[in-house]
Protein backbone atom coordinates (compact mmCIF):
# COMPACT_ATOMS: atom_id res chain seq x y z
CA UNK A 1 155.27 118.72 175.95
CA UNK A 2 155.05 118.25 179.42
CA UNK A 3 151.18 117.49 180.16
CA UNK A 4 150.77 119.61 183.53
CA UNK A 5 152.62 122.95 182.47
CA UNK A 6 150.45 122.93 179.65
CA UNK A 7 146.89 122.30 180.56
CA UNK A 8 145.94 125.81 179.74
CA UNK A 9 146.50 124.46 175.89
CA UNK A 10 145.31 121.03 176.51
CA UNK A 11 142.03 122.46 177.30
CA UNK A 12 141.98 125.06 174.44
CA UNK A 13 142.71 122.27 171.89
CA UNK A 14 140.06 120.21 173.56
CA UNK A 15 137.41 123.13 172.78
CA UNK A 16 138.93 123.59 169.31
CA UNK A 17 138.80 119.92 168.37
CA UNK A 18 134.96 120.35 169.13
CA UNK A 19 134.49 122.51 166.92
CA UNK A 20 136.11 120.23 164.31
CA UNK A 21 133.19 117.83 165.11
CA UNK A 22 130.86 120.65 163.83
CA UNK A 23 132.88 121.31 160.56
CA UNK A 24 135.54 123.78 161.67
CA UNK A 25 139.08 122.52 160.18
CA UNK A 26 142.11 122.91 162.13
CA UNK A 27 145.32 122.33 162.05
CA UNK A 28 147.10 120.19 165.02
CA UNK A 29 149.11 121.99 167.48
CA UNK A 30 149.78 120.19 170.39
CA UNK A 31 151.27 116.73 170.29
CA UNK A 32 154.37 115.21 169.31
CA UNK A 33 155.58 112.16 166.92
CA UNK A 34 155.57 109.32 168.45
CA UNK A 35 158.17 106.82 168.23
CA UNK A 36 157.20 103.19 167.47
CA UNK A 37 156.55 100.74 169.96
CA UNK A 38 159.38 98.22 170.14
CA UNK A 39 158.20 94.69 168.48
CA UNK A 40 158.29 91.85 170.76
CA UNK A 41 160.67 89.89 168.93
CA UNK A 42 163.72 89.70 167.43
CA UNK A 43 162.54 88.73 164.01
CA UNK A 44 159.42 91.60 163.76
CA UNK A 45 162.07 94.03 164.76
CA UNK A 46 163.96 93.27 161.81
CA UNK A 47 160.91 92.99 159.39
CA UNK A 48 160.09 96.28 160.70
CA UNK A 49 163.34 97.89 160.28
CA UNK A 50 163.13 96.21 156.35
CA UNK A 51 159.91 97.89 155.95
CA UNK A 52 160.84 101.10 157.16
CA UNK A 53 164.20 101.18 155.24
CA UNK A 54 162.24 100.54 152.01
CA UNK A 55 159.74 103.44 152.80
CA UNK A 56 162.88 105.58 153.22
CA UNK A 57 163.77 104.67 150.09
CA UNK A 58 161.00 105.34 148.40
CA UNK A 59 160.25 108.36 149.75
CA UNK A 60 163.63 109.72 148.64
CA UNK A 61 163.65 108.48 145.43
CA UNK A 62 159.89 110.67 145.08
CA UNK A 63 161.40 113.86 146.65
CA UNK A 64 165.02 113.48 143.89
CA UNK A 65 161.74 113.47 141.24
CA UNK A 66 159.91 116.66 142.69
CA UNK A 67 163.44 118.48 143.10
CA UNK A 68 163.98 117.84 139.35
CA UNK A 69 160.31 119.19 138.42
CA UNK A 70 161.16 122.18 140.67
CA UNK A 71 164.12 123.00 139.29
CA UNK A 72 162.04 123.68 135.86
CA UNK A 73 159.03 125.07 137.64
CA UNK A 74 160.01 126.81 140.84
CA UNK A 75 156.45 127.49 141.42
CA UNK A 76 154.80 124.33 140.57
CA UNK A 77 152.91 123.71 143.23
CA UNK A 78 151.68 120.12 143.10
CA UNK A 79 155.20 119.41 143.12
CA UNK A 80 155.50 121.74 146.47
CA UNK A 81 152.74 119.95 148.13
CA UNK A 82 154.92 116.93 147.07
CA UNK A 83 157.97 117.51 147.89
CA UNK A 84 156.31 119.09 151.66
CA UNK A 85 153.98 116.00 152.41
CA UNK A 86 157.10 113.15 151.99
CA UNK A 87 159.19 115.90 153.97
CA UNK A 88 157.23 115.31 156.46
CA UNK A 89 156.66 111.84 156.22
CA UNK A 90 160.49 111.59 156.49
CA UNK A 91 160.25 113.94 159.29
CA UNK A 92 157.66 111.62 161.25
CA UNK A 93 159.94 108.49 160.91
CA UNK A 94 162.48 110.22 162.06
CA UNK A 95 164.71 109.81 159.57
CA UNK A 96 164.39 114.09 157.93
CA UNK A 97 164.45 117.08 159.45
CA UNK A 98 162.46 119.52 160.53
CA UNK A 99 164.44 122.26 158.29
CA UNK A 100 164.35 120.37 155.11
CA UNK A 101 160.63 121.69 154.97
CA UNK A 102 160.82 124.87 155.60
CA UNK A 103 161.55 125.68 151.89
CA UNK A 104 158.63 124.42 150.54
CA UNK A 105 156.60 126.23 153.37
CA UNK A 106 157.70 129.38 152.57
CA UNK A 107 156.86 128.89 148.78
CA UNK A 108 153.47 127.75 149.34
CA UNK A 109 152.59 130.31 152.12
CA UNK A 110 153.70 132.79 149.14
CA UNK A 111 151.76 131.49 146.85
CA UNK A 112 148.39 130.79 149.32
CA UNK A 113 148.55 133.96 151.29
CA UNK A 114 144.64 133.35 152.02
CA UNK A 115 145.29 129.79 153.24
CA UNK A 116 146.67 130.18 156.27
CA UNK A 117 147.78 126.65 157.53
CA UNK A 118 150.85 127.34 155.20
CA UNK A 119 151.72 129.92 157.16
CA UNK A 120 151.16 128.60 160.10
CA UNK A 121 153.01 125.35 159.49
CA UNK A 122 155.51 127.12 158.44
CA UNK A 123 155.43 129.12 162.04
CA UNK A 124 155.35 125.84 163.78
CA UNK A 125 158.44 124.76 161.97
CA UNK A 126 160.88 127.60 162.41
CA UNK A 127 159.57 127.29 165.85
CA UNK A 128 160.56 123.89 166.37
CA UNK A 129 164.07 124.93 164.85
CA UNK A 130 164.21 127.88 167.53
CA UNK A 131 163.65 130.84 165.03
CA UNK A 132 161.14 132.47 167.34
CA UNK A 133 161.20 135.41 165.53
CA UNK A 134 160.33 133.63 162.27
CA UNK A 135 157.82 131.90 163.85
CA UNK A 136 156.26 134.96 165.03
CA UNK A 137 156.70 136.41 162.13
CA UNK A 138 154.92 134.11 160.21
CA UNK A 139 152.19 133.87 162.29
CA UNK A 140 151.38 137.51 162.00
CA UNK A 141 151.85 137.50 158.18
CA UNK A 142 148.92 134.46 158.65
CA UNK A 143 147.22 136.70 160.59
CA UNK A 144 147.56 140.07 158.30
CA UNK A 145 146.34 137.46 155.35
CA UNK A 146 143.20 136.54 156.98
CA UNK A 147 142.63 138.59 160.21
CA UNK A 148 140.67 136.82 163.29
CA UNK A 149 141.83 133.32 161.75
CA UNK A 150 141.51 131.27 164.46
CA UNK A 151 144.48 128.44 163.84
CA UNK A 152 146.66 131.36 163.17
CA UNK A 153 145.49 133.04 166.67
CA UNK A 154 146.11 129.84 168.64
CA UNK A 155 149.42 129.63 167.36
CA UNK A 156 150.58 132.78 168.26
CA UNK A 157 149.17 132.83 171.61
CA UNK A 158 150.91 129.24 172.20
CA UNK A 159 153.97 130.99 170.97
CA UNK A 160 153.67 133.96 173.11
CA UNK A 161 152.66 132.06 176.49
CA UNK A 162 155.69 129.17 175.49
CA UNK A 163 157.95 132.73 175.86
CA UNK A 164 156.42 133.92 179.36
CA UNK A 165 154.42 136.40 177.70
CA UNK A 166 150.79 135.99 178.54
CA UNK A 167 150.07 139.79 178.63
CA UNK A 168 150.90 140.15 175.04
CA UNK A 169 149.05 136.88 174.31
CA UNK A 170 146.09 138.72 176.08
CA UNK A 171 146.66 142.05 174.26
CA UNK A 172 146.53 139.86 171.06
CA UNK A 173 142.91 138.33 171.92
CA UNK A 174 141.63 141.51 173.01
CA UNK A 175 142.80 143.33 170.34
CA UNK A 176 140.77 140.32 168.08
CA UNK A 177 137.93 141.13 170.09
CA UNK A 178 137.62 144.79 169.71
CA UNK A 179 138.38 144.42 165.91
CA UNK A 180 136.36 141.37 165.21
CA UNK A 181 132.93 143.17 164.15
CA UNK A 182 134.51 145.28 161.57
CA UNK A 183 136.11 142.44 160.45
CA UNK A 184 132.75 140.74 160.21
CA UNK A 185 130.82 142.86 158.73
CA UNK A 186 133.13 142.90 156.09
CA UNK A 187 133.47 139.23 155.83
CA UNK A 188 130.94 137.30 157.73
CA UNK A 189 132.01 135.22 160.11
CA UNK A 190 135.50 135.24 159.78
CA UNK A 191 136.32 135.73 163.71
CA UNK A 192 134.62 133.25 165.46
CA UNK A 193 134.24 135.81 168.82
CA UNK A 194 132.86 133.12 171.16
CA UNK A 195 136.52 130.44 170.35
CA UNK A 196 138.88 133.51 170.81
CA UNK A 197 136.86 134.51 174.32
CA UNK A 198 137.17 130.88 175.05
CA UNK A 199 141.33 131.06 174.09
CA UNK A 200 141.25 134.44 176.56
CA UNK A 201 140.01 133.08 179.66
CA UNK A 202 142.51 129.84 178.92
CA UNK A 203 145.27 132.36 178.97
CA UNK A 204 143.73 133.92 182.17
CA UNK A 205 143.45 130.58 183.82
CA UNK A 206 147.01 129.48 182.93
CA UNK A 207 147.85 132.15 184.83
CA UNK A 208 145.38 131.57 187.60
CA UNK A 209 144.10 134.42 187.23
CA UNK A 210 140.66 132.81 187.48
CA UNK A 211 138.05 135.79 188.26
CA UNK A 212 139.39 137.15 185.09
CA UNK A 213 138.93 133.80 183.30
CA UNK A 214 135.35 133.25 184.56
CA UNK A 215 134.48 136.79 183.16
CA UNK A 216 134.91 135.77 180.23
CA UNK A 217 133.51 132.66 180.65
CA UNK A 218 130.43 134.64 182.10
CA UNK A 219 130.10 137.15 179.14
CA UNK A 220 130.68 134.86 176.16
CA UNK A 221 127.48 132.85 177.92
CA UNK A 222 125.64 135.71 178.38
CA UNK A 223 126.02 136.41 174.19
CA UNK A 224 125.72 133.24 172.73
CA UNK A 225 123.27 131.39 175.47
CA UNK A 226 122.80 128.45 172.82
CA UNK A 227 126.78 127.72 172.47
CA UNK A 228 127.89 124.89 174.09
CA UNK A 229 131.41 125.77 174.30
CA UNK A 230 132.16 128.57 177.10
CA UNK A 231 129.73 126.42 179.00
CA UNK A 232 132.34 123.38 178.96
CA UNK A 233 135.53 125.51 179.05
CA UNK A 234 134.29 127.09 182.10
CA UNK A 235 133.05 123.67 183.58
CA UNK A 236 136.79 122.50 182.39
CA UNK A 237 138.78 125.38 184.50
CA UNK A 238 136.17 124.59 187.66
CA UNK A 239 136.64 120.80 187.74
CA UNK A 240 140.54 121.64 187.21
CA UNK A 241 139.90 123.57 191.00
CA UNK A 242 138.41 120.86 192.14
CA UNK A 243 135.13 122.84 192.10
CA UNK A 244 133.07 119.68 190.84
CA UNK A 245 129.76 120.96 192.60
CA UNK A 246 129.85 123.87 190.56
CA UNK A 247 130.77 122.50 187.33
CA UNK A 248 128.48 119.98 187.32
CA UNK A 249 125.62 121.57 186.42
CA UNK A 250 128.05 123.44 183.64
CA UNK A 251 128.97 120.07 182.36
CA UNK A 252 124.94 119.12 181.94
CA UNK A 253 124.02 122.45 180.64
CA UNK A 254 126.44 122.25 177.97
CA UNK A 255 125.67 118.87 177.05
CA UNK A 256 121.81 119.42 176.53
CA UNK A 257 122.48 121.92 173.83
CA UNK A 258 125.61 120.63 172.24
CA UNK A 259 125.04 118.86 168.92
CA UNK A 260 124.98 115.22 169.01
CA UNK A 261 128.42 114.14 167.87
CA UNK A 262 129.56 116.21 171.03
CA UNK A 263 127.65 114.55 173.89
CA UNK A 264 129.63 111.78 174.43
CA UNK A 265 132.65 113.94 174.55
CA UNK A 266 131.19 115.95 177.11
CA UNK A 267 130.41 113.03 179.38
CA UNK A 268 133.82 111.76 178.98
CA UNK A 269 135.27 114.91 180.20
CA UNK A 270 133.07 116.05 183.10
CA UNK A 271 134.16 112.03 184.61
CA UNK A 272 137.76 112.17 183.36
CA UNK A 273 140.21 113.19 186.30
CA UNK A 274 141.65 116.73 186.65
CA UNK A 275 145.11 117.32 185.34
CA UNK A 276 147.44 118.85 187.57
CA UNK A 277 147.38 122.88 187.38
CA UNK A 278 150.37 124.43 185.37
CA UNK A 279 152.70 126.96 187.20
CA UNK A 280 151.66 130.56 186.09
CA UNK A 281 154.48 131.11 184.15
CA UNK A 282 154.09 128.90 181.30
CA UNK A 283 157.08 126.52 179.71
CA UNK A 284 159.28 127.33 176.80
CA UNK A 285 159.98 123.93 175.16
CA UNK A 286 159.62 123.72 171.56
CA UNK A 287 156.59 123.58 169.64
CA UNK A 288 155.54 119.78 167.89
CA UNK A 289 157.07 118.85 164.84
CA UNK A 290 154.78 119.13 162.07
CA UNK A 291 153.42 116.33 161.15
CA UNK A 292 151.78 114.89 157.35
CA UNK A 293 148.15 114.75 158.68
CA UNK A 294 149.09 118.69 159.14
CA UNK A 295 149.17 119.01 155.30
CA UNK A 296 145.39 118.34 154.11
CA UNK A 297 144.90 120.31 150.99
CA UNK A 298 143.16 123.17 151.03
């Protein structure tokens, strides 16, 4: 994924990752599977290849065993999760196909409609395969089953922006914010309103609509004065515009009210070099390949 053209998403993931520090579980949305660096010696390369070959053979044997179980018990979730994990490991090694994870993901998503991670991974896998309509359907289903789910929203927004449909992304987020009070009344804390506002502002920022982005951030700051996240998000936006004097007090304020385990990260972001701004339209590149780390058990 091109970092300069996806700064808006990187900023968003930064904020959501900070949420993870304070107890919010998120499925990684960005980041590619990195290939192993080349060993410095031929013997090391040979040993590495042998180990990879042994691991591949082991995984393939385990996959065949799980497939036999599923022939007898098609809805055995332990076997489905094991199959998914092993196929994802092959993908991570570069010896598997993303298409092979779709079937177990579809079954797990159907069997566990309230657990959005399966639907989101399914959407990501379909997006990786070029099936944008299938990806959108998976994300929408996840949102229907769990309205306001932050992971599903982030995935859907990422897809829409990658399709150069920022207005659709903005509309989705605004609709979510409109419905949030009623959703939260039925199921308390279902929608993290501040996080959704940050996503909305980030989309505006990706289109260089800085005034609209700042308005959203300011509303979030006003409505939640003890929440460091909108302060940090606005500081990042200002820094990326080169407005360091305006960003500095926001970084300091965010740090002063942030949890202790987040303060160092805020300091790092405050002194990090600004990332080049994206073009006003986003790339249509494929999403990241789902990774084994994305399959944490619910």
